[in-house]
């Protein structure tokens, strides 16, 4: 009987809800579209998240670590803070992101139609998912992307305008003199990036990509 009651109590604690916590989370973590929480630890002597002695301290910021959120609080006595403490919440955080609808192999071009933009849980996501597609930037898969995977920034890269082995024109400005010669790319790269290139005499330079046919020697 004791074990059964303990189990019921466990379910009750993990089903806890609070409008004041909801408002606090919306204010302090506005980057998330939705946050579900379960109270896992309260300060000593406090039995409810809605205890009036608990005051959320907005001067100290909550700390999100994986699926746990540590909320700074003050314990009030006679209307004044008597001590500081922390409330621990187990959370599920949600954002709108692109979700893959199919298997995409490493090196394949990214087509926005292969993704659905929807709200999803991102508690286990550690990298940036704020990705925007436009008509000017073309991406390719940097890794294999599985169906239903949340699209993270480190899953994709800009499609290179110059690829390894391509013959291109390199130039270097020395005073008022412009020196130009042919090189081969030793790395893939997009406009504005720096790559290594090699001249016919096997000398290697570092160069900035100007466009699909030209690089500027910088080292």
C-alpha atoms as a PDB file:
ATOM      1  CA  UNK A   1       0.000   0.000   0.000  1.00  0.00           C
ATOM      2  CA  UNK A   2       2.828   2.385   0.883  1.00  0.00           C
ATOM      3  CA  UNK A   3       4.542   1.794  -2.460  1.00  0.00           C
ATOM      4  CA  UNK A   4       1.281   2.381  -4.311  1.00  0.00           C
ATOM      5  CA  UNK A   5       0.702   5.675  -2.500  1.00  0.00           C
ATOM      6  CA  UNK A   6       4.287   6.735  -3.168  1.00  0.00           C
ATOM      7  CA  UNK A   7       3.749   6.045  -6.862  1.00  0.00           C
ATOM      8  CA  UNK A   8       0.576   8.163  -6.863  1.00  0.00           C
ATOM      9  CA  UNK A   9       2.448  10.982  -5.096  1.00  0.00           C
ATOM     10  CA  UNK A  10       5.246  10.743  -7.697  1.00  0.00           C
ATOM     11  CA  UNK A  11       2.721  11.121 -10.504  1.00  0.00           C
ATOM     12  CA  UNK A  12       1.125  14.080  -8.755  1.00  0.00           C
ATOM     13  CA  UNK A  13       4.429  15.927  -8.352  1.00  0.00           C
ATOM     14  CA  UNK A  14       5.397  15.325 -11.957  1.00  0.00           C
ATOM     15  CA  UNK A  15       2.023  16.540 -13.185  1.00  0.00           C
ATOM     16  CA  UNK A  16       2.359  19.852 -11.342  1.00  0.00           C
ATOM     17  CA  UNK A  17       1.180  23.011 -13.132  1.00  0.00           C
ATOM     18  CA  UNK A  18       1.315  26.649 -12.165  1.00  0.00           C
ATOM     19  CA  UNK A  19       0.190  29.785 -13.969  1.00  0.00           C
ATOM     20  CA  UNK A  20       2.821  31.864 -12.160  1.00  0.00           C
ATOM     21  CA  UNK A  21       5.557  29.489 -13.351  1.00  0.00           C
ATOM     22  CA  UNK A  22       4.153  29.611 -16.886  1.00  0.00           C
ATOM     23  CA  UNK A  23       4.324  33.398 -16.873  1.00  0.00           C
ATOM     24  CA  UNK A  24       7.836  33.354 -15.433  1.00  0.00           C
ATOM     25  CA  UNK A  25       9.069  30.945 -18.118  1.00  0.00           C
ATOM     26  CA  UNK A  26       7.491  32.994 -20.908  1.00  0.00           C
ATOM     27  CA  UNK A  27       9.233  36.121 -19.616  1.00  0.00           C
ATOM     28  CA  UNK A  28      12.649  34.604 -18.929  1.00  0.00           C
ATOM     29  CA  UNK A  29      12.838  32.167 -21.876  1.00  0.00           C
ATOM     30  CA  UNK A  30      10.913  33.849 -24.727  1.00  0.00           C
ATOM     31  CA  UNK A  31      12.990  32.039 -27.362  1.00  0.00           C
ATOM     32  CA  UNK A  32      10.912  28.900 -26.819  1.00  0.00           C
ATOM     33  CA  UNK A  33       7.410  28.543 -28.231  1.00  0.00           C
ATOM     34  CA  UNK A  34       6.326  26.296 -25.350  1.00  0.00           C
ATOM     35  CA  UNK A  35       7.764  24.841 -22.165  1.00  0.00           C
ATOM     36  CA  UNK A  36       6.389  21.861 -20.260  1.00  0.00           C
ATOM     37  CA  UNK A  37       7.705  21.469 -16.737  1.00  0.00           C
ATOM     38  CA  UNK A  38       7.689  19.070 -13.823  1.00  0.00           C
ATOM     39  CA  UNK A  39       8.817  20.134 -10.361  1.00  0.00           C
ATOM     40  CA  UNK A  40      11.596  17.876  -9.115  1.00  0.00           C
ATOM     41  CA  UNK A  41      13.061  19.804  -6.192  1.00  0.00           C
ATOM     42  CA  UNK A  42      11.842  22.601  -3.921  1.00  0.00           C
ATOM     43  CA  UNK A  43      13.694  24.486  -1.171  1.00  0.00           C
ATOM     44  CA  UNK A  44      13.621  22.958   2.303  1.00  0.00           C
ATOM     45  CA  UNK A  45      10.323  23.652   4.060  1.00  0.00           C
ATOM     46  CA  UNK A  46       8.488  24.543   0.828  1.00  0.00           C
ATOM     47  CA  UNK A  47       5.901  22.013  -0.275  1.00  0.00           C
ATOM     48  CA  UNK A  48       4.386  23.698  -3.339  1.00  0.00           C
ATOM     49  CA  UNK A  49       5.645  25.718  -6.272  1.00  0.00           C
ATOM     50  CA  UNK A  50       2.774  28.126  -5.568  1.00  0.00           C
ATOM     51  CA  UNK A  51       3.822  28.726  -1.964  1.00  0.00           C
ATOM     52  CA  UNK A  52       3.546  32.501  -1.441  1.00  0.00           C
ATOM     53  CA  UNK A  53       6.898  32.510   0.349  1.00  0.00           C
ATOM     54  CA  UNK A  54       8.567  31.670  -2.971  1.00  0.00           C
ATOM     55  CA  UNK A  55       9.568  34.698  -5.011  1.00  0.00           C
ATOM     56  CA  UNK A  56      11.140  34.270  -8.470  1.00  0.00           C
ATOM     57  CA  UNK A  57      14.279  36.375  -8.585  1.00  0.00           C
ATOM     58  CA  UNK A  58      14.428  38.149 -11.955  1.00  0.00           C
ATOM     59  CA  UNK A  59      17.887  39.590 -11.217  1.00  0.00           C
ATOM     60  CA  UNK A  60      19.394  36.100 -11.281  1.00  0.00           C
ATOM     61  CA  UNK A  61      18.782  34.237 -14.504  1.00  0.00           C
ATOM     62  CA  UNK A  62      17.543  30.643 -14.734  1.00  0.00           C
ATOM     63  CA  UNK A  63      20.045  28.079 -15.950  1.00  0.00           C
ATOM     64  CA  UNK A  64      18.997  25.515 -18.540  1.00  0.00           C
ATOM     65  CA  UNK A  65      21.142  22.362 -18.555  1.00  0.00           C
ATOM     66  CA  UNK A  66      19.809  19.702 -20.895  1.00  0.00           C
ATOM     67  CA  UNK A  67      16.337  18.761 -19.689  1.00  0.00           C
ATOM     68  CA  UNK A  68      16.678  20.508 -16.307  1.00  0.00           C
ATOM     69  CA  UNK A  69      16.011  24.141 -15.498  1.00  0.00           C
ATOM     70  CA  UNK A  70      17.370  25.692 -12.304  1.00  0.00           C
ATOM     71  CA  UNK A  71      15.214  28.637 -11.243  1.00  0.00           C
ATOM     72  CA  UNK A  72      16.608  31.165  -8.730  1.00  0.00           C
ATOM     73  CA  UNK A  73      14.181  32.072  -5.957  1.00  0.00           C
ATOM     74  CA  UNK A  74      14.049  34.097  -2.770  1.00  0.00           C
ATOM     75  CA  UNK A  75      12.405  32.719   0.344  1.00  0.00           C
ATOM     76  CA  UNK A  76      10.323  35.558   1.767  1.00  0.00           C
ATOM     77  CA  UNK A  77       9.631  36.298   5.423  1.00  0.00           C
ATOM     78  CA  UNK A  78       7.540  39.246   6.565  1.00  0.00           C
ATOM     79  CA  UNK A  79       7.563  40.554   3.002  1.00  0.00           C
ATOM     80  CA  UNK A  80      11.357  40.580   2.718  1.00  0.00           C
ATOM     81  CA  UNK A  81      13.876  38.100   1.242  1.00  0.00           C
ATOM     82  CA  UNK A  82      15.162  35.931   4.069  1.00  0.00           C
ATOM     83  CA  UNK A  83      17.292  33.533   2.014  1.00  0.00           C
ATOM     84  CA  UNK A  84      18.049  32.545  -1.553  1.00  0.00           C
ATOM     85  CA  UNK A  85      17.552  29.129  -3.074  1.00  0.00           C
ATOM     86  CA  UNK A  86      16.760  27.243  -6.288  1.00  0.00           C
ATOM     87  CA  UNK A  87      13.776  25.395  -7.674  1.00  0.00           C
ATOM     88  CA  UNK A  88      14.623  22.534 -10.028  1.00  0.00           C
ATOM     89  CA  UNK A  89      12.302  21.804 -12.933  1.00  0.00           C
ATOM     90  CA  UNK A  90      12.508  18.972 -15.392  1.00  0.00           C
ATOM     91  CA  UNK A  91      11.483  20.560 -18.676  1.00  0.00           C
ATOM     92  CA  UNK A  92      10.626  19.880 -22.262  1.00  0.00           C
ATOM     93  CA  UNK A  93      11.303  22.941 -24.407  1.00  0.00           C
ATOM     94  CA  UNK A  94       9.801  23.493 -27.832  1.00  0.00           C
ATOM     95  CA  UNK A  95      10.650  25.628 -30.851  1.00  0.00           C
ATOM     96  CA  UNK A  96       9.565  25.827 -34.462  1.00  0.00           C
ATOM     97  CA  UNK A  97      12.184  24.238 -36.691  1.00  0.00           C
ATOM     98  CA  UNK A  98      12.676  22.413 -39.968  1.00  0.00           C
ATOM     99  CA  UNK A  99      12.112  18.651 -39.735  1.00  0.00           C
ATOM    100  CA  UNK A 100      13.404  16.336 -42.449  1.00  0.00           C
ATOM    101  CA  UNK A 101      10.778  14.430 -44.424  1.00  0.00           C
ATOM    102  CA  UNK A 102      13.255  12.053 -46.055  1.00  0.00           C
ATOM    103  CA  UNK A 103      16.760  10.618 -45.935  1.00  0.00           C
ATOM    104  CA  UNK A 104      19.312  13.120 -47.254  1.00  0.00           C
ATOM    105  CA  UNK A 105      22.814  11.867 -47.921  1.00  0.00           C
ATOM    106  CA  UNK A 106      25.993  13.787 -47.175  1.00  0.00           C
ATOM    107  CA  UNK A 107      26.855  16.047 -50.125  1.00  0.00           C
ATOM    108  CA  UNK A 108      23.279  16.233 -51.500  1.00  0.00           C
ATOM    109  CA  UNK A 109      21.762  19.618 -52.244  1.00  0.00           C
ATOM    110  CA  UNK A 110      19.286  20.832 -49.640  1.00  0.00           C
ATOM    111  CA  UNK A 111      15.787  21.450 -50.971  1.00  0.00           C
ATOM    112  CA  UNK A 112      13.473  23.333 -48.578  1.00  0.00           C
ATOM    113  CA  UNK A 113      10.551  21.226 -49.816  1.00  0.00           C
ATOM    114  CA  UNK A 114      12.216  18.205 -48.191  1.00  0.00           C
ATOM    115  CA  UNK A 115      11.466  19.726 -44.780  1.00  0.00           C
ATOM    116  CA  UNK A 116       8.413  20.569 -42.709  1.00  0.00           C
ATOM    117  CA  UNK A 117       8.449  23.677 -40.514  1.00  0.00           C
ATOM    118  CA  UNK A 118       6.771  22.645 -37.282  1.00  0.00           C
ATOM    119  CA  UNK A 119       6.932  22.891 -33.517  1.00  0.00           C
ATOM    120  CA  UNK A 120       9.158  20.231 -31.991  1.00  0.00           C
ATOM    121  CA  UNK A 121      10.891  19.403 -28.741  1.00  0.00           C
ATOM    122  CA  UNK A 122      14.466  20.695 -28.748  1.00  0.00           C
ATOM    123  CA  UNK A 123      15.607  19.782 -25.223  1.00  0.00           C
ATOM    124  CA  UNK A 124      18.375  17.559 -26.610  1.00  0.00           C
ATOM    125  CA  UNK A 125      19.442  19.940 -29.396  1.00  0.00           C
ATOM    126  CA  UNK A 126      22.708  21.744 -28.658  1.00  0.00           C
ATOM    127  CA  UNK A 127      23.359  23.675 -31.879  1.00  0.00           C
ATOM    128  CA  UNK A 128      21.566  26.463 -33.720  1.00  0.00           C
ATOM    129  CA  UNK A 129      18.295  25.548 -35.462  1.00  0.00           C
ATOM    130  CA  UNK A 130      17.365  29.077 -36.569  1.00  0.00           C
ATOM    131  CA  UNK A 131      17.899  28.421 -40.269  1.00  0.00           C
ATOM    132  CA  UNK A 132      16.546  30.568 -43.083  1.00  0.00           C
ATOM    133  CA  UNK A 133      16.361  29.571 -46.726  1.00  0.00           C
ATOM    134  CA  UNK A 134      16.533  32.215 -49.456  1.00  0.00           C
ATOM    135  CA  UNK A 135      16.960  32.376 -53.227  1.00  0.00           C
ATOM    136  CA  UNK A 136      20.624  33.427 -53.078  1.00  0.00           C
ATOM    137  CA  UNK A 137      22.106  30.814 -50.745  1.00  0.00           C
ATOM    138  CA  UNK A 138      22.306  27.169 -51.719  1.00  0.00           C
ATOM    139  CA  UNK A 139      23.091  24.561 -49.063  1.00  0.00           C
ATOM    140  CA  UNK A 140      24.265  20.968 -49.182  1.00  0.00           C
ATOM    141  CA  UNK A 141      24.188  18.296 -46.499  1.00  0.00           C
ATOM    142  CA  UNK A 142      27.346  18.225 -44.398  1.00  0.00           C
ATOM    143  CA  UNK A 143      26.301  14.915 -42.811  1.00  0.00           C
ATOM    144  CA  UNK A 144      23.706  12.232 -43.466  1.00  0.00           C
ATOM    145  CA  UNK A 145      20.312  13.578 -42.375  1.00  0.00           C
ATOM    146  CA  UNK A 146      17.766  10.992 -41.277  1.00  0.00           C
ATOM    147  CA  UNK A 147      13.974  11.268 -41.702  1.00  0.00           C
ATOM    148  CA  UNK A 148      12.269  13.251 -38.900  1.00  0.00           C
ATOM    149  CA  UNK A 149      15.584  14.789 -37.833  1.00  0.00           C
ATOM    150  CA  UNK A 150      15.528  18.406 -36.645  1.00  0.00           C
ATOM    151  CA  UNK A 151      17.666  20.435 -39.038  1.00  0.00           C
ATOM    152  CA  UNK A 152      20.626  21.874 -37.142  1.00  0.00           C
ATOM    153  CA  UNK A 153      23.063  24.432 -38.510  1.00  0.00           C
ATOM    154  CA  UNK A 154      25.973  22.007 -38.255  1.00  0.00           C
ATOM    155  CA  UNK A 155      24.106  19.555 -40.518  1.00  0.00           C
ATOM    156  CA  UNK A 156      24.443  21.819 -43.557  1.00  0.00           C
ATOM    157  CA  UNK A 157      26.960  24.045 -45.302  1.00  0.00           C
ATOM    158  CA  UNK A 158      26.867  26.481 -48.155  1.00  0.00           C
ATOM    159  CA  UNK A 159      27.318  24.795 -51.515  1.00  0.00           C
ATOM    160  CA  UNK A 160      30.898  25.636 -52.571  1.00  0.00           C
ATOM    161  CA  UNK A 161      31.415  27.813 -55.637  1.00  0.00           C
ATOM    162  CA  UNK A 162      34.947  26.393 -55.870  1.00  0.00           C
ATOM    163  CA  UNK A 163      35.736  22.713 -55.360  1.00  0.00           C
ATOM    164  CA  UNK A 164      38.962  20.807 -54.808  1.00  0.00           C
ATOM    165  CA  UNK A 165      41.018  20.485 -57.986  1.00  0.00           C
ATOM    166  CA  UNK A 166      39.354  23.321 -59.877  1.00  0.00           C
ATOM    167  CA  UNK A 167      41.688  25.570 -61.894  1.00  0.00           C
ATOM    168  CA  UNK A 168      41.100  29.223 -61.067  1.00  0.00           C
ATOM    169  CA  UNK A 169      42.734  32.607 -61.400  1.00  0.00           C
ATOM    170  CA  UNK A 170      44.623  34.016 -58.428  1.00  0.00           C
ATOM    171  CA  UNK A 171      45.836  37.568 -58.009  1.00  0.00           C
ATOM    172  CA  UNK A 172      47.952  39.442 -55.524  1.00  0.00           C
ATOM    173  CA  UNK A 173      48.331  43.184 -55.065  1.00  0.00           C
ATOM    174  CA  UNK A 174      51.841  44.386 -54.234  1.00  0.00           C
ATOM    175  CA  UNK A 175      51.949  48.175 -54.012  1.00  0.00           C
ATOM    176  CA  UNK A 176      50.667  49.418 -57.364  1.00  0.00           C
ATOM    177  CA  UNK A 177      51.403  46.118 -59.082  1.00  0.00           C
ATOM    178  CA  UNK A 178      48.788  43.422 -59.727  1.00  0.00           C
ATOM    179  CA  UNK A 179      50.248  39.945 -60.079  1.00  0.00           C
ATOM    180  CA  UNK A 180      48.040  37.238 -61.560  1.00  0.00           C
ATOM    181  CA  UNK A 181      48.637  33.517 -62.054  1.00  0.00           C
ATOM    182  CA  UNK A 182      46.766  30.221 -62.315  1.00  0.00           C
ATOM    183  CA  UNK A 183      46.250  27.930 -59.298  1.00  0.00           C
ATOM    184  CA  UNK A 184      44.372  24.793 -58.331  1.00  0.00           C
ATOM    185  CA  UNK A 185      42.026  24.734 -55.360  1.00  0.00           C
ATOM    186  CA  UNK A 186      43.057  22.401 -52.563  1.00  0.00           C
ATOM    187  CA  UNK A 187      39.829  22.905 -50.631  1.00  0.00           C
ATOM    188  CA  UNK A 188      36.138  23.510 -51.261  1.00  0.00           C
ATOM    189  CA  UNK A 189      34.866  26.969 -50.424  1.00  0.00           C
ATOM    190  CA  UNK A 190      32.182  29.608 -50.842  1.00  0.00           C
ATOM    191  CA  UNK A 191      32.446  33.337 -51.581  1.00  0.00           C
ATOM    192  CA  UNK A 192      34.250  35.171 -48.781  1.00  0.00           C
ATOM    193  CA  UNK A 193      35.857  32.056 -47.321  1.00  0.00           C
ATOM    194  CA  UNK A 194      39.596  31.379 -47.275  1.00  0.00           C
ATOM    195  CA  UNK A 195      41.004  28.239 -48.887  1.00  0.00           C
ATOM    196  CA  UNK A 196      44.394  26.833 -49.779  1.00  0.00           C
ATOM    197  CA  UNK A 197      45.457  26.958 -53.446  1.00  0.00           C
ATOM    198  CA  UNK A 198      48.551  25.623 -55.215  1.00  0.00           C
ATOM    199  CA  UNK A 199      50.504  27.221 -58.042  1.00  0.00           C
ATOM    200  CA  UNK A 200      52.129  25.228 -60.897  1.00  0.00           C
ATOM    201  CA  UNK A 201      55.450  25.261 -59.019  1.00  0.00           C
ATOM    202  CA  UNK A 202      53.666  23.504 -56.084  1.00  0.00           C
ATOM    203  CA  UNK A 203      53.845  26.575 -53.871  1.00  0.00           C
ATOM    204  CA  UNK A 204      50.788  26.752 -51.614  1.00  0.00           C
ATOM    205  CA  UNK A 205      48.969  30.004 -50.793  1.00  0.00           C
ATOM    206  CA  UNK A 206      46.030  31.008 -48.659  1.00  0.00           C
ATOM    207  CA  UNK A 207      43.421  32.838 -50.721  1.00  0.00           C
ATOM    208  CA  UNK A 208      40.044  34.509 -50.285  1.00  0.00           C
ATOM    209  CA  UNK A 209      37.330  33.422 -52.718  1.00  0.00           C
ATOM    210  CA  UNK A 210      36.025  36.360 -54.763  1.00  0.00           C
ATOM    211  CA  UNK A 211      33.739  34.395 -57.093  1.00  0.00           C
ATOM    212  CA  UNK A 212      33.591  31.017 -58.834  1.00  0.00           C
ATOM    213  CA  UNK A 213      36.675  31.800 -60.960  1.00  0.00           C
ATOM    214  CA  UNK A 214      38.856  34.165 -58.926  1.00  0.00           C
ATOM    215  CA  UNK A 215      40.675  34.225 -55.609  1.00  0.00           C
ATOM    216  CA  UNK A 216      42.767  36.870 -53.885  1.00  0.00           C
ATOM    217  CA  UNK A 217      46.049  35.751 -52.335  1.00  0.00           C
ATOM    218  CA  UNK A 218      46.160  36.807 -48.662  1.00  0.00           C
ATOM    219  CA  UNK A 219      49.138  34.741 -47.438  1.00  0.00           C
END
